[in-house]
N, C-alpha and C. Protein backbone atom coordinates (compact mmCIF):
# COMPACT_ATOMS: atom_id res chain seq x y z
N MET A 1 -100.02 86.27 -44.01
CA MET A 1 -99.18 85.14 -44.31
C MET A 1 -98.23 84.86 -43.02
N LEU A 2 -98.15 83.76 -42.45
CA LEU A 2 -97.22 83.49 -41.22
C LEU A 2 -95.96 83.67 -41.80
N ASN A 3 -94.94 84.03 -40.74
CA ASN A 3 -93.66 83.87 -40.82
C ASN A 3 -92.87 84.75 -42.08
N THR A 4 -93.61 85.88 -42.26
CA THR A 4 -93.13 86.77 -43.32
C THR A 4 -93.05 88.09 -42.59
N VAL A 5 -92.20 89.19 -43.01
CA VAL A 5 -92.19 90.29 -42.52
C VAL A 5 -93.44 91.23 -42.66
N CYS A 6 -94.03 91.63 -41.66
CA CYS A 6 -95.42 92.27 -41.64
C CYS A 6 -95.35 93.77 -41.56
N PHE A 7 -94.35 94.21 -40.74
CA PHE A 7 -94.10 95.59 -40.27
C PHE A 7 -92.75 96.00 -39.90
N PHE A 8 -92.55 97.14 -40.13
CA PHE A 8 -91.18 97.72 -39.69
C PHE A 8 -91.45 99.04 -39.07
N GLU A 9 -90.39 99.18 -37.82
CA GLU A 9 -90.66 100.38 -37.01
C GLU A 9 -89.28 101.20 -37.29
N ILE A 10 -89.28 102.45 -37.40
CA ILE A 10 -88.01 103.30 -37.27
C ILE A 10 -88.09 104.20 -36.20
N PRO A 11 -87.32 104.26 -35.07
CA PRO A 11 -87.23 105.33 -34.16
C PRO A 11 -86.36 106.39 -34.52
N GLY A 12 -86.95 107.76 -33.82
CA GLY A 12 -86.08 108.70 -34.14
C GLY A 12 -86.06 109.58 -32.88
N ASP A 13 -84.96 110.48 -32.66
CA ASP A 13 -85.04 111.39 -31.55
C ASP A 13 -85.88 112.47 -31.80
N ASP A 14 -86.09 113.03 -33.04
CA ASP A 14 -87.27 113.90 -33.30
C ASP A 14 -88.01 113.43 -34.64
N PRO A 15 -88.94 112.36 -34.12
CA PRO A 15 -89.63 111.83 -35.42
C PRO A 15 -90.26 112.69 -36.31
N GLU A 16 -90.61 113.99 -35.85
CA GLU A 16 -91.37 115.02 -36.71
C GLU A 16 -90.28 115.34 -37.73
N LYS A 17 -89.14 115.74 -37.27
CA LYS A 17 -88.24 116.22 -38.11
C LYS A 17 -87.63 115.12 -39.10
N LEU A 18 -87.51 113.82 -38.63
CA LEU A 18 -87.06 112.63 -39.43
C LEU A 18 -87.84 112.44 -40.45
N GLN A 19 -89.19 112.81 -40.59
CA GLN A 19 -90.20 112.54 -41.50
C GLN A 19 -89.60 113.09 -42.83
N GLY A 20 -89.10 114.22 -42.60
CA GLY A 20 -88.76 114.92 -44.05
C GLY A 20 -87.64 114.35 -44.60
N PHE A 21 -86.76 113.63 -44.01
CA PHE A 21 -85.63 112.81 -44.76
C PHE A 21 -86.21 111.67 -45.37
N TYR A 22 -87.35 110.93 -44.79
CA TYR A 22 -87.89 109.76 -45.38
C TYR A 22 -88.91 110.24 -46.50
N ARG A 23 -89.47 111.43 -46.34
CA ARG A 23 -90.47 112.06 -47.32
C ARG A 23 -89.69 112.20 -48.69
N GLU A 24 -88.52 112.97 -48.60
CA GLU A 24 -87.58 113.28 -49.44
C GLU A 24 -86.98 112.14 -50.26
N MET A 25 -86.57 111.00 -49.41
CA MET A 25 -85.60 110.01 -49.77
C MET A 25 -86.55 108.92 -50.64
N PHE A 26 -87.75 108.78 -49.99
CA PHE A 26 -88.55 107.67 -50.63
C PHE A 26 -90.08 108.10 -50.98
N ASP A 27 -90.30 109.35 -50.80
CA ASP A 27 -91.63 109.81 -51.17
C ASP A 27 -92.77 109.15 -50.44
N TRP A 28 -92.37 108.77 -49.02
CA TRP A 28 -93.25 108.28 -48.00
C TRP A 28 -94.12 109.49 -47.48
N SER A 29 -95.33 109.17 -46.96
CA SER A 29 -95.83 110.09 -46.23
C SER A 29 -96.39 109.57 -44.85
N PHE A 30 -96.83 110.42 -43.87
CA PHE A 30 -97.01 109.91 -42.45
C PHE A 30 -98.18 110.53 -42.02
N LYS A 31 -98.75 109.72 -41.05
CA LYS A 31 -100.20 110.10 -40.45
C LYS A 31 -99.95 109.75 -38.83
N LYS A 32 -100.34 110.83 -38.03
CA LYS A 32 -100.13 110.70 -36.64
C LYS A 32 -101.09 109.77 -36.16
N VAL A 33 -100.84 108.85 -35.55
CA VAL A 33 -101.86 107.74 -34.76
C VAL A 33 -102.54 108.14 -33.46
N SER A 34 -101.90 108.73 -32.89
CA SER A 34 -102.74 109.26 -31.67
C SER A 34 -101.93 110.83 -31.19
N GLU A 35 -102.89 111.56 -30.85
CA GLU A 35 -102.62 112.87 -30.25
C GLU A 35 -101.75 112.63 -28.94
N ASP A 36 -101.85 111.62 -28.01
CA ASP A 36 -101.15 111.34 -26.96
C ASP A 36 -99.94 110.66 -27.04
N PHE A 37 -99.51 110.16 -28.32
CA PHE A 37 -98.26 109.50 -28.34
C PHE A 37 -97.48 109.82 -29.61
N ARG A 38 -96.33 110.02 -29.73
CA ARG A 38 -95.57 110.40 -30.94
C ARG A 38 -95.22 109.09 -31.71
N TYR A 39 -96.15 108.82 -32.44
CA TYR A 39 -96.26 107.59 -33.40
C TYR A 39 -96.77 108.00 -34.50
N TYR A 40 -96.23 107.65 -35.83
CA TYR A 40 -96.76 107.91 -37.02
C TYR A 40 -96.80 106.60 -38.00
N SER A 41 -97.86 106.34 -38.69
CA SER A 41 -97.87 105.45 -39.55
C SER A 41 -97.29 105.79 -40.82
N ILE A 42 -96.59 105.07 -41.56
CA ILE A 42 -95.88 105.40 -42.53
C ILE A 42 -96.60 104.78 -43.67
N GLN A 43 -96.94 105.80 -44.86
CA GLN A 43 -97.69 105.26 -45.94
C GLN A 43 -96.65 105.26 -47.24
N THR A 44 -96.48 104.01 -47.68
CA THR A 44 -95.57 103.73 -48.73
C THR A 44 -96.42 103.53 -50.18
N GLU A 45 -95.71 103.27 -51.14
CA GLU A 45 -96.65 103.11 -52.19
C GLU A 45 -97.20 101.46 -52.43
N SER A 46 -96.57 100.73 -51.48
CA SER A 46 -97.07 99.25 -51.50
C SER A 46 -97.82 99.08 -49.89
N ASP A 47 -98.70 98.20 -50.03
CA ASP A 47 -99.38 97.95 -48.73
C ASP A 47 -98.86 97.14 -47.77
N THR A 48 -97.78 96.32 -48.31
CA THR A 48 -96.91 95.66 -47.17
C THR A 48 -95.54 95.62 -47.34
N PRO A 49 -94.50 95.61 -46.58
CA PRO A 49 -94.98 95.62 -45.10
C PRO A 49 -95.45 97.07 -44.65
N LYS A 50 -96.26 97.13 -43.59
CA LYS A 50 -96.61 98.37 -43.07
C LYS A 50 -95.54 98.92 -42.40
N GLY A 51 -95.53 100.31 -41.98
CA GLY A 51 -94.26 101.06 -41.24
C GLY A 51 -94.82 101.81 -40.28
N GLY A 52 -94.11 102.20 -39.25
CA GLY A 52 -94.30 103.17 -38.17
C GLY A 52 -92.83 103.95 -37.93
N LEU A 53 -93.18 105.20 -37.49
CA LEU A 53 -92.00 106.12 -37.02
C LEU A 53 -92.32 106.55 -35.77
N THR A 54 -91.67 106.37 -34.80
CA THR A 54 -91.94 106.72 -33.41
C THR A 54 -90.82 107.15 -32.82
N ALA A 55 -91.21 107.88 -31.57
CA ALA A 55 -89.90 108.50 -30.77
C ALA A 55 -89.15 107.50 -30.09
N ARG A 56 -87.87 107.61 -30.16
CA ARG A 56 -86.93 106.65 -29.71
C ARG A 56 -87.08 106.62 -28.07
N GLN A 57 -87.28 105.28 -27.56
CA GLN A 57 -87.44 104.99 -26.12
C GLN A 57 -86.26 104.92 -25.58
N ASP A 58 -85.13 104.66 -25.96
CA ASP A 58 -83.77 104.66 -25.15
C ASP A 58 -82.70 104.63 -26.21
N GLU A 59 -81.44 104.76 -25.95
CA GLU A 59 -80.20 104.55 -26.64
C GLU A 59 -80.18 103.40 -27.50
N LYS A 60 -80.58 102.56 -27.07
CA LYS A 60 -80.71 100.99 -27.75
C LYS A 60 -81.80 100.83 -28.75
N HIS A 61 -82.83 101.75 -28.82
CA HIS A 61 -83.94 101.57 -29.52
C HIS A 61 -83.33 101.75 -31.08
N THR A 62 -83.45 100.87 -31.85
CA THR A 62 -82.92 100.85 -33.27
C THR A 62 -84.10 100.36 -34.01
N PRO A 63 -84.10 100.44 -35.45
CA PRO A 63 -85.10 99.99 -36.27
C PRO A 63 -85.26 98.35 -36.17
N VAL A 64 -86.65 98.07 -36.04
CA VAL A 64 -86.96 96.76 -35.89
C VAL A 64 -88.00 96.20 -37.01
N PHE A 65 -87.80 94.91 -37.46
CA PHE A 65 -88.66 94.47 -38.36
C PHE A 65 -89.66 93.34 -37.58
N TYR A 66 -91.03 93.30 -37.79
CA TYR A 66 -92.04 92.39 -37.22
C TYR A 66 -92.09 91.25 -38.09
N VAL A 67 -92.26 89.90 -37.61
CA VAL A 67 -92.62 88.89 -38.38
C VAL A 67 -93.90 88.29 -37.86
N LYS A 68 -94.82 88.12 -38.63
CA LYS A 68 -96.20 87.53 -38.28
C LYS A 68 -96.07 86.09 -37.68
N VAL A 69 -96.54 85.78 -36.69
CA VAL A 69 -96.59 84.45 -36.06
C VAL A 69 -97.86 83.94 -35.84
N LYS A 70 -98.21 82.75 -35.68
CA LYS A 70 -99.29 82.10 -35.16
C LYS A 70 -99.52 82.37 -33.70
N SER A 71 -98.46 82.36 -32.91
CA SER A 71 -98.60 82.23 -31.41
C SER A 71 -97.11 82.84 -30.97
N ILE A 72 -97.20 84.11 -30.30
CA ILE A 72 -95.93 84.53 -29.73
C ILE A 72 -95.47 83.73 -28.63
N GLU A 73 -96.25 83.29 -27.72
CA GLU A 73 -95.69 82.27 -26.81
C GLU A 73 -94.87 81.41 -27.41
N ASP A 74 -95.46 80.40 -28.43
CA ASP A 74 -94.68 79.58 -29.16
C ASP A 74 -93.36 80.11 -29.67
N ALA A 75 -93.49 81.30 -30.35
CA ALA A 75 -92.18 81.75 -31.06
C ALA A 75 -91.23 82.18 -29.99
N VAL A 76 -91.58 82.68 -28.85
CA VAL A 76 -90.58 83.11 -27.73
C VAL A 76 -89.89 81.82 -27.20
N GLY A 77 -90.78 80.85 -26.95
CA GLY A 77 -90.21 79.40 -26.56
C GLY A 77 -89.14 78.92 -27.57
N LYS A 78 -89.55 78.86 -28.86
CA LYS A 78 -88.72 78.43 -29.84
C LYS A 78 -87.27 79.13 -29.90
N ALA A 79 -87.39 80.52 -29.86
CA ALA A 79 -86.27 81.39 -29.71
C ALA A 79 -85.44 81.09 -28.61
N GLU A 80 -85.98 80.73 -27.46
CA GLU A 80 -85.14 80.81 -26.38
C GLU A 80 -84.43 79.30 -26.32
N GLY A 81 -85.09 78.49 -27.07
CA GLY A 81 -84.39 77.03 -27.35
C GLY A 81 -83.21 77.15 -28.45
N LEU A 82 -83.25 78.17 -29.34
CA LEU A 82 -82.24 78.49 -30.14
C LEU A 82 -81.17 79.64 -29.91
N GLY A 83 -81.31 79.96 -28.60
CA GLY A 83 -80.26 80.90 -28.04
C GLY A 83 -80.67 82.33 -27.89
N GLY A 84 -81.99 82.79 -28.24
CA GLY A 84 -82.45 83.95 -28.18
C GLY A 84 -83.12 84.15 -26.91
N HIS A 85 -83.68 85.52 -26.64
CA HIS A 85 -84.56 85.72 -25.48
C HIS A 85 -85.50 86.98 -25.73
N ALA A 86 -86.42 86.89 -24.86
CA ALA A 86 -87.41 88.00 -25.24
C ALA A 86 -86.70 89.28 -24.52
N GLN A 87 -86.75 90.33 -25.31
CA GLN A 87 -86.47 91.78 -24.67
C GLN A 87 -87.63 92.54 -24.27
N VAL A 88 -88.62 92.51 -25.06
CA VAL A 88 -89.94 93.13 -24.72
C VAL A 88 -90.86 91.92 -24.72
N PRO A 89 -91.59 91.66 -23.41
CA PRO A 89 -92.56 90.53 -23.45
C PRO A 89 -93.68 90.80 -24.21
N LYS A 90 -94.58 89.97 -24.48
CA LYS A 90 -95.89 90.03 -25.10
C LYS A 90 -96.67 91.10 -24.42
N ARG A 91 -96.97 92.12 -25.39
CA ARG A 91 -97.89 93.36 -25.25
C ARG A 91 -99.08 93.48 -25.93
N PRO A 92 -100.18 93.97 -25.53
CA PRO A 92 -101.52 94.19 -26.38
C PRO A 92 -101.20 95.44 -27.22
N VAL A 93 -101.82 95.55 -28.55
CA VAL A 93 -102.33 96.62 -29.07
C VAL A 93 -103.70 96.45 -29.18
N PRO A 94 -104.46 96.94 -28.36
CA PRO A 94 -105.86 96.72 -28.10
C PRO A 94 -106.64 96.90 -29.50
N GLY A 95 -107.47 95.94 -29.51
CA GLY A 95 -108.51 95.62 -30.75
C GLY A 95 -107.64 95.18 -31.94
N VAL A 96 -106.42 94.93 -31.99
CA VAL A 96 -105.58 94.64 -33.15
C VAL A 96 -104.75 93.33 -32.91
N GLY A 97 -103.98 93.45 -32.01
CA GLY A 97 -103.22 92.14 -31.82
C GLY A 97 -102.11 92.37 -30.78
N TRP A 98 -101.10 91.36 -30.81
CA TRP A 98 -100.02 91.34 -29.76
C TRP A 98 -98.68 91.59 -30.28
N TYR A 99 -97.79 92.04 -29.66
CA TYR A 99 -96.22 92.19 -30.06
C TYR A 99 -95.43 91.66 -29.01
N ALA A 100 -94.04 91.48 -29.31
CA ALA A 100 -93.10 91.08 -28.59
C ALA A 100 -91.95 91.56 -29.25
N VAL A 101 -90.86 91.64 -28.48
CA VAL A 101 -89.47 91.90 -29.21
C VAL A 101 -88.49 90.93 -28.71
N LEU A 102 -87.56 90.13 -29.44
CA LEU A 102 -86.56 89.24 -29.20
C LEU A 102 -85.42 89.57 -29.34
N LEU A 103 -84.38 89.25 -28.84
CA LEU A 103 -83.00 89.40 -29.34
C LEU A 103 -82.40 87.93 -29.79
N ASP A 104 -81.81 88.09 -30.92
CA ASP A 104 -81.19 86.71 -31.37
C ASP A 104 -80.04 86.52 -30.74
N PRO A 105 -79.53 85.36 -30.92
CA PRO A 105 -78.16 84.99 -30.22
C PRO A 105 -77.11 86.04 -30.27
N GLN A 106 -76.95 87.01 -31.49
CA GLN A 106 -76.17 87.94 -31.53
C GLN A 106 -76.63 89.30 -31.20
N GLY A 107 -77.69 89.49 -30.67
CA GLY A 107 -78.14 90.76 -30.09
C GLY A 107 -79.15 91.58 -30.98
N ASN A 108 -79.41 91.08 -32.15
CA ASN A 108 -80.20 91.75 -33.22
C ASN A 108 -81.59 91.72 -32.72
N ARG A 109 -82.45 92.78 -32.76
CA ARG A 109 -83.89 92.94 -32.44
C ARG A 109 -84.75 92.39 -33.45
N ILE A 110 -85.65 91.38 -33.10
CA ILE A 110 -86.71 91.02 -34.17
C ILE A 110 -87.95 91.11 -33.40
N GLY A 111 -88.98 91.61 -34.01
CA GLY A 111 -90.37 91.84 -33.45
C GLY A 111 -91.29 90.65 -33.99
N LEU A 112 -92.00 90.32 -33.06
CA LEU A 112 -93.03 89.17 -33.34
C LEU A 112 -94.36 89.99 -33.52
N TRP A 113 -95.14 89.61 -34.19
CA TRP A 113 -96.58 90.04 -34.27
C TRP A 113 -97.62 88.93 -34.50
N GLU A 114 -98.59 89.10 -33.49
CA GLU A 114 -99.75 87.98 -33.64
C GLU A 114 -101.23 88.80 -33.57
N ASP A 115 -101.94 88.49 -34.83
CA ASP A 115 -102.92 89.30 -35.05
C ASP A 115 -104.19 88.69 -33.90
N ASP A 116 -105.10 89.54 -33.34
CA ASP A 116 -105.97 89.21 -32.35
C ASP A 116 -106.77 90.47 -32.24
N ALA A 117 -107.94 90.46 -32.87
CA ALA A 117 -108.99 91.51 -32.67
C ALA A 117 -109.29 91.58 -31.02
N ASN A 118 -109.32 90.71 -30.45
CA ASN A 118 -109.67 90.76 -28.92
C ASN A 118 -108.44 90.99 -27.98
N ALA A 119 -107.49 91.60 -28.47
CA ALA A 119 -106.31 91.73 -27.61
C ALA A 119 -106.61 93.06 -26.86
N GLY A 120 -106.20 93.16 -25.52
CA GLY A 120 -106.38 94.26 -24.83
C GLY A 120 -106.19 93.95 -23.54
């Protein structure tokens, strides 16, 4: 469904250790996505929204939610017209889709997600 929250991502300085907090707090479980990257999918009791736990990329890397859109290009253009701007430009998740991260006019991060099995 478009224009709904479809994913959330939580960064941590030590994501492996941080899993313990969320495991005890909410009974979430974690599955490592890749041996080459410190990223874990979060399994909750619900199928949506899906979640991920990752290594913090920089000091400004805070939790972000992703909204499913039809077109990232159109959504970024609309955001810019409303006073926002792209912080992370459109990037592929090969074979799954595309993402980008916006800053709203007050500096809050908003992720965008576009399904596309041909992304890459």
